[in-house]
Amino acid sequence: MNEDRESNLIPLSKNDFRKVIGEDLENDKNRNIISLIITGFERSPKYITDQLGIEPTETRLSGESYDLKFGKTAVTRIAEENLWQYERIETTAEFISDQVELFISEIIKPRSKQLLAISKDANVSFQIIQYYYTGSNPGYFLSKEIINTLAEIGSEVDIDCYCLSSDMD
């Protein structure tokens, strides 16, 4: 993007952002997405599936088209690299750190040796996305055990939090 175009961009209001992503404006629960993402590998996504023994929620091959969805809106893109992704999506008022701990213990820890081997030739990433509706002060806690587990498998960590509480408008 050039600088002239960027200077003309106006940020979306929270209400407009909620509409774009198709989220309910009167939501009393948070939408949490916790993902294990593997990119940059040369083999087929099926190889990753076979190694981990878990069915992905999404796969892509480099060069193929896919729809990037934002609520009710979709934009067609071309995959720049192979992708294997497993995610859990929950709409809840439960503390997100509890969900992270469960994901680590059920999905990542039992496959840590396989993930470490995969990370030698691919990028492994642990991602948390939260659409936060229930106040204006989200909190995250990652124990030493969780941090060590992610480090041991060579994983990056990506945390995105979208504070969409009506209290903050």
N, C-alpha and C. Protein backbone atom coordinates (compact mmCIF):
# COMPACT_ATOMS: atom_id res chain seq x y z
N MET A 1 0.83 -1.17 0.00
CA MET A 1 0.00 0.00 0.00
C MET A 1 0.88 1.24 0.00
N ASN A 2 0.50 2.28 -0.75
CA ASN A 2 1.33 3.47 -0.73
C ASN A 2 0.93 4.39 0.42
N GLU A 3 1.82 5.35 0.74
CA GLU A 3 1.59 6.21 1.91
C GLU A 3 0.37 7.09 1.74
N ASP A 4 0.10 7.60 0.52
CA ASP A 4 -1.07 8.46 0.31
C ASP A 4 -2.36 7.72 0.63
N ARG A 5 -2.45 6.49 0.17
CA ARG A 5 -3.65 5.70 0.42
C ARG A 5 -3.80 5.40 1.91
N GLU A 6 -2.69 5.06 2.58
CA GLU A 6 -2.75 4.75 4.00
C GLU A 6 -3.19 5.96 4.81
N SER A 7 -2.77 7.16 4.44
CA SER A 7 -3.14 8.35 5.20
C SER A 7 -4.63 8.67 5.06
N ASN A 8 -5.28 8.14 4.03
CA ASN A 8 -6.71 8.38 3.82
C ASN A 8 -7.60 7.34 4.50
N LEU A 9 -7.00 6.31 5.07
CA LEU A 9 -7.78 5.26 5.71
C LEU A 9 -8.34 5.75 7.03
N ILE A 10 -9.59 5.44 7.27
CA ILE A 10 -10.25 5.80 8.53
C ILE A 10 -10.53 4.51 9.28
N PRO A 11 -10.10 4.43 10.55
CA PRO A 11 -10.35 3.19 11.30
C PRO A 11 -11.85 2.94 11.46
N LEU A 12 -12.23 1.67 11.46
CA LEU A 12 -13.62 1.30 11.69
C LEU A 12 -13.98 1.53 13.15
N SER A 13 -15.21 1.96 13.39
CA SER A 13 -15.71 2.01 14.77
C SER A 13 -15.92 0.57 15.23
N LYS A 14 -16.07 0.38 16.52
CA LYS A 14 -16.31 -0.97 17.03
C LYS A 14 -17.60 -1.54 16.47
N ASN A 15 -18.64 -0.72 16.38
CA ASN A 15 -19.90 -1.22 15.84
C ASN A 15 -19.75 -1.63 14.38
N ASP A 16 -19.02 -0.82 13.59
CA ASP A 16 -18.80 -1.18 12.18
C ASP A 16 -17.97 -2.45 12.07
N PHE A 17 -16.94 -2.58 12.91
CA PHE A 17 -16.11 -3.79 12.89
C PHE A 17 -16.96 -5.01 13.23
N ARG A 18 -17.83 -4.88 14.23
CA ARG A 18 -18.71 -6.00 14.59
C ARG A 18 -19.58 -6.42 13.40
N LYS A 19 -20.08 -5.42 12.66
CA LYS A 19 -20.92 -5.72 11.49
C LYS A 19 -20.11 -6.44 10.41
N VAL A 20 -18.88 -5.98 10.16
CA VAL A 20 -18.03 -6.58 9.13
C VAL A 20 -17.75 -8.05 9.44
N ILE A 21 -17.46 -8.36 10.71
CA ILE A 21 -17.14 -9.74 11.06
C ILE A 21 -18.37 -10.57 11.37
N GLY A 22 -19.56 -9.93 11.34
CA GLY A 22 -20.80 -10.67 11.51
C GLY A 22 -21.09 -11.06 12.94
N GLU A 23 -20.57 -10.31 13.90
CA GLU A 23 -20.78 -10.64 15.30
C GLU A 23 -22.01 -9.93 15.86
N ASP A 24 -22.69 -10.57 16.77
CA ASP A 24 -23.85 -10.05 17.46
C ASP A 24 -23.44 -8.85 18.32
N LEU A 25 -24.16 -7.74 18.19
CA LEU A 25 -23.82 -6.54 18.95
C LEU A 25 -24.16 -6.64 20.43
N GLU A 26 -25.02 -7.53 20.79
CA GLU A 26 -25.45 -7.66 22.18
C GLU A 26 -24.97 -8.97 22.78
N ASN A 27 -23.76 -9.33 22.52
CA ASN A 27 -23.21 -10.61 22.96
C ASN A 27 -22.70 -10.50 24.38
N ASP A 28 -23.12 -11.41 25.27
CA ASP A 28 -22.63 -11.39 26.65
C ASP A 28 -21.57 -12.46 26.88
N LYS A 29 -21.09 -13.05 25.80
CA LYS A 29 -20.04 -14.06 25.88
C LYS A 29 -18.94 -13.68 24.89
N ASN A 30 -17.77 -14.21 25.12
CA ASN A 30 -16.64 -13.95 24.23
C ASN A 30 -16.51 -15.07 23.21
N ARG A 31 -16.01 -14.74 22.04
CA ARG A 31 -15.75 -15.74 21.01
C ARG A 31 -14.25 -15.98 21.00
N ASN A 32 -13.85 -17.20 21.32
CA ASN A 32 -12.44 -17.56 21.45
C ASN A 32 -12.06 -18.59 20.39
N ILE A 33 -10.96 -18.31 19.71
CA ILE A 33 -10.44 -19.22 18.69
C ILE A 33 -9.01 -19.57 19.09
N ILE A 34 -8.76 -20.85 19.32
CA ILE A 34 -7.43 -21.31 19.70
C ILE A 34 -6.97 -22.28 18.62
N SER A 35 -5.78 -22.02 18.07
CA SER A 35 -5.34 -22.77 16.89
C SER A 35 -3.91 -23.25 16.99
N LEU A 36 -3.67 -24.38 16.36
CA LEU A 36 -2.34 -24.87 16.06
C LEU A 36 -2.20 -24.76 14.55
N ILE A 37 -1.21 -23.98 14.10
CA ILE A 37 -1.05 -23.70 12.68
C ILE A 37 0.35 -24.12 12.24
N ILE A 38 0.41 -24.83 11.14
CA ILE A 38 1.69 -25.26 10.58
C ILE A 38 1.75 -24.77 9.14
N THR A 39 2.82 -24.04 8.80
CA THR A 39 3.00 -23.50 7.46
C THR A 39 4.43 -23.74 6.99
N GLY A 40 4.66 -23.46 5.73
CA GLY A 40 6.02 -23.50 5.20
C GLY A 40 6.60 -24.89 4.99
N PHE A 41 5.76 -25.90 4.92
CA PHE A 41 6.26 -27.26 4.71
C PHE A 41 6.09 -27.63 3.24
N GLU A 42 6.92 -28.54 2.77
CA GLU A 42 6.92 -28.93 1.35
C GLU A 42 6.01 -30.12 1.06
N ARG A 43 5.79 -30.98 2.02
CA ARG A 43 4.96 -32.17 1.80
C ARG A 43 3.49 -31.79 1.77
N SER A 44 2.64 -32.77 1.51
CA SER A 44 1.21 -32.51 1.49
C SER A 44 0.69 -32.35 2.93
N PRO A 45 -0.41 -31.62 3.11
CA PRO A 45 -1.01 -31.51 4.43
C PRO A 45 -1.38 -32.88 5.02
N LYS A 46 -1.66 -33.85 4.16
CA LYS A 46 -1.99 -35.19 4.65
C LYS A 46 -0.83 -35.78 5.44
N TYR A 47 0.39 -35.48 5.05
CA TYR A 47 1.55 -35.96 5.80
C TYR A 47 1.51 -35.44 7.24
N ILE A 48 1.18 -34.17 7.42
CA ILE A 48 1.07 -33.58 8.76
C ILE A 48 -0.06 -34.27 9.53
N THR A 49 -1.19 -34.48 8.86
CA THR A 49 -2.33 -35.16 9.49
C THR A 49 -1.93 -36.55 9.96
N ASP A 50 -1.22 -37.28 9.11
CA ASP A 50 -0.79 -38.64 9.47
C ASP A 50 0.19 -38.61 10.64
N GLN A 51 1.10 -37.65 10.66
CA GLN A 51 2.08 -37.56 11.74
C GLN A 51 1.42 -37.23 13.08
N LEU A 52 0.42 -36.33 13.05
CA LEU A 52 -0.21 -35.87 14.29
C LEU A 52 -1.40 -36.72 14.72
N GLY A 53 -1.99 -37.46 13.78
CA GLY A 53 -3.13 -38.30 14.13
C GLY A 53 -4.36 -37.51 14.52
N ILE A 54 -4.53 -36.36 13.91
CA ILE A 54 -5.70 -35.52 14.18
C ILE A 54 -6.11 -34.85 12.87
N GLU A 55 -7.42 -34.77 12.64
CA GLU A 55 -7.92 -34.16 11.41
C GLU A 55 -7.88 -32.64 11.53
N PRO A 56 -7.31 -31.97 10.56
CA PRO A 56 -7.26 -30.50 10.60
C PRO A 56 -8.63 -29.90 10.34
N THR A 57 -8.81 -28.67 10.78
CA THR A 57 -10.04 -27.94 10.46
C THR A 57 -9.89 -27.22 9.12
N GLU A 58 -8.63 -27.05 8.68
CA GLU A 58 -8.38 -26.40 7.39
C GLU A 58 -7.01 -26.79 6.87
N THR A 59 -6.93 -26.96 5.55
CA THR A 59 -5.64 -27.16 4.88
C THR A 59 -5.65 -26.33 3.61
N ARG A 60 -4.45 -25.95 3.16
CA ARG A 60 -4.30 -25.25 1.89
C ARG A 60 -3.00 -25.71 1.24
N LEU A 61 -3.01 -25.71 -0.08
CA LEU A 61 -1.80 -25.96 -0.85
C LEU A 61 -1.35 -24.66 -1.49
N SER A 62 -0.07 -24.45 -1.52
CA SER A 62 0.50 -23.26 -2.14
C SER A 62 -0.03 -23.11 -3.57
N GLY A 63 -0.50 -21.91 -3.89
CA GLY A 63 -1.00 -21.62 -5.23
C GLY A 63 -2.49 -21.81 -5.42
N GLU A 64 -3.16 -22.50 -4.49
CA GLU A 64 -4.60 -22.68 -4.66
C GLU A 64 -5.36 -21.48 -4.09
N SER A 65 -6.56 -21.25 -4.63
CA SER A 65 -7.38 -20.15 -4.14
C SER A 65 -8.21 -20.61 -2.95
N TYR A 66 -8.50 -19.67 -2.06
CA TYR A 66 -9.34 -19.95 -0.89
C TYR A 66 -10.08 -18.68 -0.53
N ASP A 67 -11.16 -18.82 0.21
CA ASP A 67 -11.93 -17.66 0.65
C ASP A 67 -11.54 -17.30 2.07
N LEU A 68 -11.12 -16.07 2.26
CA LEU A 68 -10.82 -15.53 3.58
C LEU A 68 -12.10 -14.86 4.06
N LYS A 69 -12.69 -15.41 5.13
CA LYS A 69 -14.01 -14.96 5.56
C LYS A 69 -13.91 -14.01 6.74
N PHE A 70 -14.73 -12.96 6.68
CA PHE A 70 -14.92 -12.01 7.76
C PHE A 70 -16.41 -11.96 8.02
N GLY A 71 -16.90 -12.82 8.90
CA GLY A 71 -18.34 -12.87 9.14
C GLY A 71 -19.06 -13.28 7.88
N LYS A 72 -19.89 -12.39 7.35
CA LYS A 72 -20.67 -12.69 6.15
C LYS A 72 -19.95 -12.29 4.87
N THR A 73 -18.80 -11.69 5.00
CA THR A 73 -18.02 -11.22 3.85
C THR A 73 -16.87 -12.19 3.58
N ALA A 74 -16.55 -12.40 2.31
CA ALA A 74 -15.42 -13.26 1.95
C ALA A 74 -14.61 -12.60 0.84
N VAL A 75 -13.30 -12.78 0.91
CA VAL A 75 -12.39 -12.29 -0.11
C VAL A 75 -11.58 -13.48 -0.59
N THR A 76 -11.48 -13.64 -1.91
CA THR A 76 -10.72 -14.76 -2.47
C THR A 76 -9.24 -14.39 -2.50
N ARG A 77 -8.42 -15.30 -2.01
CA ARG A 77 -6.96 -15.13 -1.96
C ARG A 77 -6.30 -16.35 -2.59
N ILE A 78 -5.02 -16.21 -2.87
CA ILE A 78 -4.19 -17.32 -3.35
C ILE A 78 -3.22 -17.68 -2.23
N ALA A 79 -3.18 -18.94 -1.84
CA ALA A 79 -2.29 -19.39 -0.76
C ALA A 79 -0.84 -19.23 -1.20
N GLU A 80 -0.05 -18.57 -0.36
CA GLU A 80 1.36 -18.37 -0.64
C GLU A 80 2.21 -19.55 -0.21
N GLU A 81 1.65 -20.39 0.67
CA GLU A 81 2.39 -21.55 1.15
C GLU A 81 1.40 -22.61 1.62
N ASN A 82 1.89 -23.81 1.82
CA ASN A 82 1.05 -24.88 2.35
C ASN A 82 0.66 -24.54 3.79
N LEU A 83 -0.54 -24.97 4.17
CA LEU A 83 -1.05 -24.70 5.51
C LEU A 83 -1.77 -25.92 6.04
N TRP A 84 -1.57 -26.19 7.31
CA TRP A 84 -2.32 -27.21 8.05
C TRP A 84 -2.75 -26.52 9.34
N GLN A 85 -4.04 -26.56 9.66
CA GLN A 85 -4.54 -25.86 10.84
C GLN A 85 -5.58 -26.69 11.57
N TYR A 86 -5.45 -26.70 12.90
CA TYR A 86 -6.47 -27.29 13.76
C TYR A 86 -6.90 -26.20 14.72
N GLU A 87 -8.20 -25.95 14.80
CA GLU A 87 -8.66 -24.90 15.71
C GLU A 87 -9.91 -25.32 16.45
N ARG A 88 -10.05 -24.71 17.61
CA ARG A 88 -11.28 -24.83 18.40
C ARG A 88 -11.87 -23.44 18.53
N ILE A 89 -13.18 -23.37 18.28
CA ILE A 89 -13.89 -22.10 18.42
C ILE A 89 -14.96 -22.30 19.47
N GLU A 90 -14.95 -21.43 20.47
CA GLU A 90 -15.95 -21.51 21.53
C GLU A 90 -16.49 -20.13 21.82
N THR A 91 -17.79 -20.06 22.05
CA THR A 91 -18.43 -18.84 22.49
C THR A 91 -18.83 -19.07 23.94
N THR A 92 -18.16 -18.36 24.84
CA THR A 92 -18.31 -18.64 26.26
C THR A 92 -17.88 -17.44 27.10
N ALA A 93 -18.30 -17.42 28.33
CA ALA A 93 -17.82 -16.42 29.29
C ALA A 93 -16.67 -16.99 30.12
N GLU A 94 -16.29 -18.24 29.83
CA GLU A 94 -15.20 -18.90 30.55
C GLU A 94 -13.89 -18.16 30.33
N PHE A 95 -13.04 -18.14 31.34
CA PHE A 95 -11.73 -17.50 31.25
C PHE A 95 -10.91 -18.17 30.16
N ILE A 96 -10.39 -17.41 29.23
CA ILE A 96 -9.71 -17.98 28.06
C ILE A 96 -8.47 -18.78 28.44
N SER A 97 -7.81 -18.42 29.52
CA SER A 97 -6.60 -19.16 29.92
C SER A 97 -6.93 -20.62 30.25
N ASP A 98 -8.14 -20.87 30.75
CA ASP A 98 -8.55 -22.26 31.01
C ASP A 98 -8.68 -23.03 29.70
N GLN A 99 -9.20 -22.38 28.67
CA GLN A 99 -9.33 -23.02 27.36
C GLN A 99 -7.96 -23.27 26.74
N VAL A 100 -7.04 -22.33 26.92
CA VAL A 100 -5.67 -22.50 26.42
C VAL A 100 -5.02 -23.70 27.08
N GLU A 101 -5.15 -23.79 28.39
CA GLU A 101 -4.56 -24.91 29.13
C GLU A 101 -5.11 -26.25 28.64
N LEU A 102 -6.42 -26.31 28.41
CA LEU A 102 -7.05 -27.53 27.91
C LEU A 102 -6.54 -27.88 26.51
N PHE A 103 -6.43 -26.90 25.63
CA PHE A 103 -5.94 -27.12 24.27
C PHE A 103 -4.51 -27.66 24.31
N ILE A 104 -3.68 -27.05 25.13
CA ILE A 104 -2.28 -27.49 25.25
C ILE A 104 -2.23 -28.94 25.74
N SER A 105 -3.02 -29.25 26.78
CA SER A 105 -2.96 -30.60 27.37
C SER A 105 -3.58 -31.67 26.47
N GLU A 106 -4.61 -31.32 25.69
CA GLU A 106 -5.29 -32.32 24.85
C GLU A 106 -4.72 -32.42 23.43
N ILE A 107 -4.26 -31.31 22.88
CA ILE A 107 -3.84 -31.30 21.47
C ILE A 107 -2.32 -31.26 21.32
N ILE A 108 -1.67 -30.39 22.03
CA ILE A 108 -0.23 -30.18 21.79
C ILE A 108 0.65 -31.14 22.57
N LYS A 109 0.45 -31.26 23.88
CA LYS A 109 1.35 -32.11 24.68
C LYS A 109 1.42 -33.56 24.19
N PRO A 110 0.29 -34.20 23.87
CA PRO A 110 0.38 -35.60 23.42
C PRO A 110 1.10 -35.76 22.07
N ARG A 111 1.29 -34.66 21.36
CA ARG A 111 1.93 -34.70 20.04
C ARG A 111 3.23 -33.91 20.01
N SER A 112 3.80 -33.65 21.18
CA SER A 112 4.97 -32.76 21.24
C SER A 112 6.17 -33.29 20.47
N LYS A 113 6.42 -34.59 20.52
CA LYS A 113 7.56 -35.15 19.76
C LYS A 113 7.35 -34.99 18.26
N GLN A 114 6.14 -35.26 17.79
CA GLN A 114 5.85 -35.12 16.37
C GLN A 114 5.93 -33.65 15.95
N LEU A 115 5.42 -32.76 16.79
CA LEU A 115 5.46 -31.33 16.46
C LEU A 115 6.90 -30.81 16.42
N LEU A 116 7.73 -31.28 17.34
CA LEU A 116 9.14 -30.88 17.32
C LEU A 116 9.80 -31.34 16.02
N ALA A 117 9.54 -32.57 15.60
CA ALA A 117 10.10 -33.07 14.34
C ALA A 117 9.59 -32.26 13.15
N ILE A 118 8.30 -31.95 13.15
CA ILE A 118 7.71 -31.15 12.07
C ILE A 118 8.31 -29.75 12.04
N SER A 119 8.56 -29.17 13.22
CA SER A 119 9.07 -27.79 13.30
C SER A 119 10.47 -27.64 12.73
N LYS A 120 11.17 -28.75 12.50
CA LYS A 120 12.51 -28.68 11.90
C LYS A 120 12.44 -28.21 10.45
N ASP A 121 11.32 -28.53 9.77
CA ASP A 121 11.16 -28.19 8.35
C ASP A 121 9.92 -27.34 8.07
N ALA A 122 9.31 -26.79 9.12
CA ALA A 122 8.08 -26.02 8.94
C ALA A 122 7.97 -24.99 10.07
N ASN A 123 7.02 -24.09 9.92
CA ASN A 123 6.74 -23.10 10.97
C ASN A 123 5.54 -23.59 11.77
N VAL A 124 5.72 -23.72 13.07
CA VAL A 124 4.64 -24.13 13.97
C VAL A 124 4.25 -22.89 14.77
N SER A 125 2.96 -22.63 14.83
CA SER A 125 2.46 -21.45 15.53
C SER A 125 1.25 -21.81 16.37
N PHE A 126 1.22 -21.26 17.57
CA PHE A 126 0.07 -21.39 18.47
C PHE A 126 -0.61 -20.03 18.47
N GLN A 127 -1.91 -20.02 18.16
CA GLN A 127 -2.62 -18.75 18.01
C GLN A 127 -3.85 -18.69 18.90
N ILE A 128 -4.03 -17.53 19.52
CA ILE A 128 -5.23 -17.24 20.30
C ILE A 128 -5.86 -15.99 19.70
N ILE A 129 -7.14 -16.09 19.33
CA ILE A 129 -7.89 -14.92 18.89
C ILE A 129 -9.10 -14.82 19.79
N GLN A 130 -9.31 -13.64 20.35
CA GLN A 130 -10.47 -13.45 21.22
C GLN A 130 -11.24 -12.21 20.80
N TYR A 131 -12.54 -12.39 20.57
CA TYR A 131 -13.46 -11.29 20.38
C TYR A 131 -14.10 -11.08 21.75
N TYR A 132 -13.68 -10.02 22.43
CA TYR A 132 -13.98 -9.82 23.85
C TYR A 132 -15.14 -8.85 24.01
N TYR A 133 -16.26 -9.36 24.52
CA TYR A 133 -17.48 -8.57 24.66
C TYR A 133 -17.85 -8.27 26.11
N THR A 134 -17.27 -8.98 27.06
CA THR A 134 -17.79 -8.97 28.44
C THR A 134 -17.04 -8.02 29.36
N GLY A 135 -16.70 -6.86 28.90
CA GLY A 135 -16.02 -5.87 29.72
C GLY A 135 -14.95 -5.18 28.91
N SER A 136 -14.07 -4.50 29.61
CA SER A 136 -13.04 -3.74 28.92
C SER A 136 -11.63 -4.09 29.38
N ASN A 137 -11.48 -5.23 30.07
CA ASN A 137 -10.18 -5.56 30.62
C ASN A 137 -9.88 -7.06 30.48
N PRO A 138 -9.60 -7.51 29.25
CA PRO A 138 -9.30 -8.93 29.08
C PRO A 138 -7.98 -9.28 29.76
N GLY A 139 -7.88 -10.51 30.21
CA GLY A 139 -6.64 -10.95 30.84
C GLY A 139 -6.21 -12.30 30.32
N TYR A 140 -4.90 -12.49 30.24
CA TYR A 140 -4.33 -13.75 29.77
C TYR A 140 -3.29 -14.20 30.78
N PHE A 141 -3.27 -15.48 31.06
CA PHE A 141 -2.23 -16.06 31.90
C PHE A 141 -1.71 -17.30 31.21
N LEU A 142 -0.41 -17.33 30.96
CA LEU A 142 0.24 -18.50 30.40
C LEU A 142 1.27 -18.97 31.41
N SER A 143 1.05 -20.14 31.97
CA SER A 143 1.95 -20.69 32.99
C SER A 143 3.31 -21.01 32.38
N LYS A 144 4.30 -21.18 33.24
CA LYS A 144 5.64 -21.58 32.78
C LYS A 144 5.55 -22.90 32.01
N GLU A 145 4.69 -23.79 32.47
CA GLU A 145 4.54 -25.08 31.80
C GLU A 145 4.06 -24.91 30.36
N ILE A 146 3.08 -24.04 30.16
CA ILE A 146 2.56 -23.78 28.82
C ILE A 146 3.65 -23.16 27.95
N ILE A 147 4.34 -22.16 28.48
CA ILE A 147 5.40 -21.48 27.73
C ILE A 147 6.50 -22.47 27.38
N ASN A 148 6.90 -23.30 28.33
CA ASN A 148 7.94 -24.30 28.07
C ASN A 148 7.50 -25.31 27.02
N THR A 149 6.25 -25.76 27.09
CA THR A 149 5.73 -26.72 26.11
C THR A 149 5.80 -26.13 24.70
N LEU A 150 5.38 -24.88 24.55
CA LEU A 150 5.41 -24.24 23.24
C LEU A 150 6.85 -24.03 22.76
N ALA A 151 7.73 -23.67 23.68
CA ALA A 151 9.15 -23.49 23.31
C ALA A 151 9.78 -24.81 22.90
N GLU A 152 9.44 -25.87 23.61
CA GLU A 152 10.03 -27.19 23.32
C GLU A 152 9.66 -27.71 21.93
N ILE A 153 8.51 -27.31 21.41
CA ILE A 153 8.13 -27.76 20.07
C ILE A 153 8.52 -26.74 18.99
N GLY A 154 9.20 -25.68 19.39
CA GLY A 154 9.65 -24.67 18.43
C GLY A 154 8.53 -23.80 17.90
N SER A 155 7.51 -23.57 18.72
CA SER A 155 6.34 -22.83 18.27
C SER A 155 6.46 -21.33 18.51
N GLU A 156 5.94 -20.58 17.55
CA GLU A 156 5.71 -19.15 17.74
C GLU A 156 4.38 -19.00 18.46
N VAL A 157 4.13 -17.81 19.03
CA VAL A 157 2.86 -17.53 19.70
C VAL A 157 2.30 -16.24 19.12
N ASP A 158 1.02 -16.27 18.76
CA ASP A 158 0.33 -15.10 18.21
C ASP A 158 -0.96 -14.92 19.00
N ILE A 159 -1.12 -13.76 19.63
CA ILE A 159 -2.33 -13.47 20.41
C ILE A 159 -2.96 -12.20 19.86
N ASP A 160 -4.22 -12.31 19.44
CA ASP A 160 -4.99 -11.16 18.97
C ASP A 160 -6.22 -11.02 19.85
N CYS A 161 -6.45 -9.82 20.36
CA CYS A 161 -7.63 -9.57 21.19
C CYS A 161 -8.36 -8.36 20.63
N TYR A 162 -9.63 -8.55 20.33
CA TYR A 162 -10.47 -7.49 19.81
C TYR A 162 -11.49 -7.14 20.89
N CYS A 163 -11.29 -6.00 21.56
CA CYS A 163 -12.18 -5.57 22.64
C CYS A 163 -13.39 -4.88 22.03
N LEU A 164 -14.53 -5.55 22.05
CA LEU A 164 -15.73 -5.09 21.37
C LEU A 164 -16.88 -4.84 22.34
N SER A 165 -16.57 -4.67 23.61
CA SER A 165 -17.60 -4.44 24.61
C SER A 165 -18.32 -3.12 24.33
N SER A 166 -19.62 -3.12 24.49
CA SER A 166 -20.40 -1.89 24.34
C SER A 166 -20.00 -0.86 25.38
N ASP A 167 -19.43 -1.30 26.50
CA ASP A 167 -18.98 -0.39 27.56
C ASP A 167 -17.90 0.56 27.05
N MET A 168 -17.19 0.16 26.00
CA MET A 168 -16.04 0.93 25.54
C MET A 168 -16.37 1.89 24.41
N ASP A 169 -17.59 1.88 23.89
CA ASP A 169 -17.94 2.76 22.76
C ASP A 169 -17.98 4.21 23.19
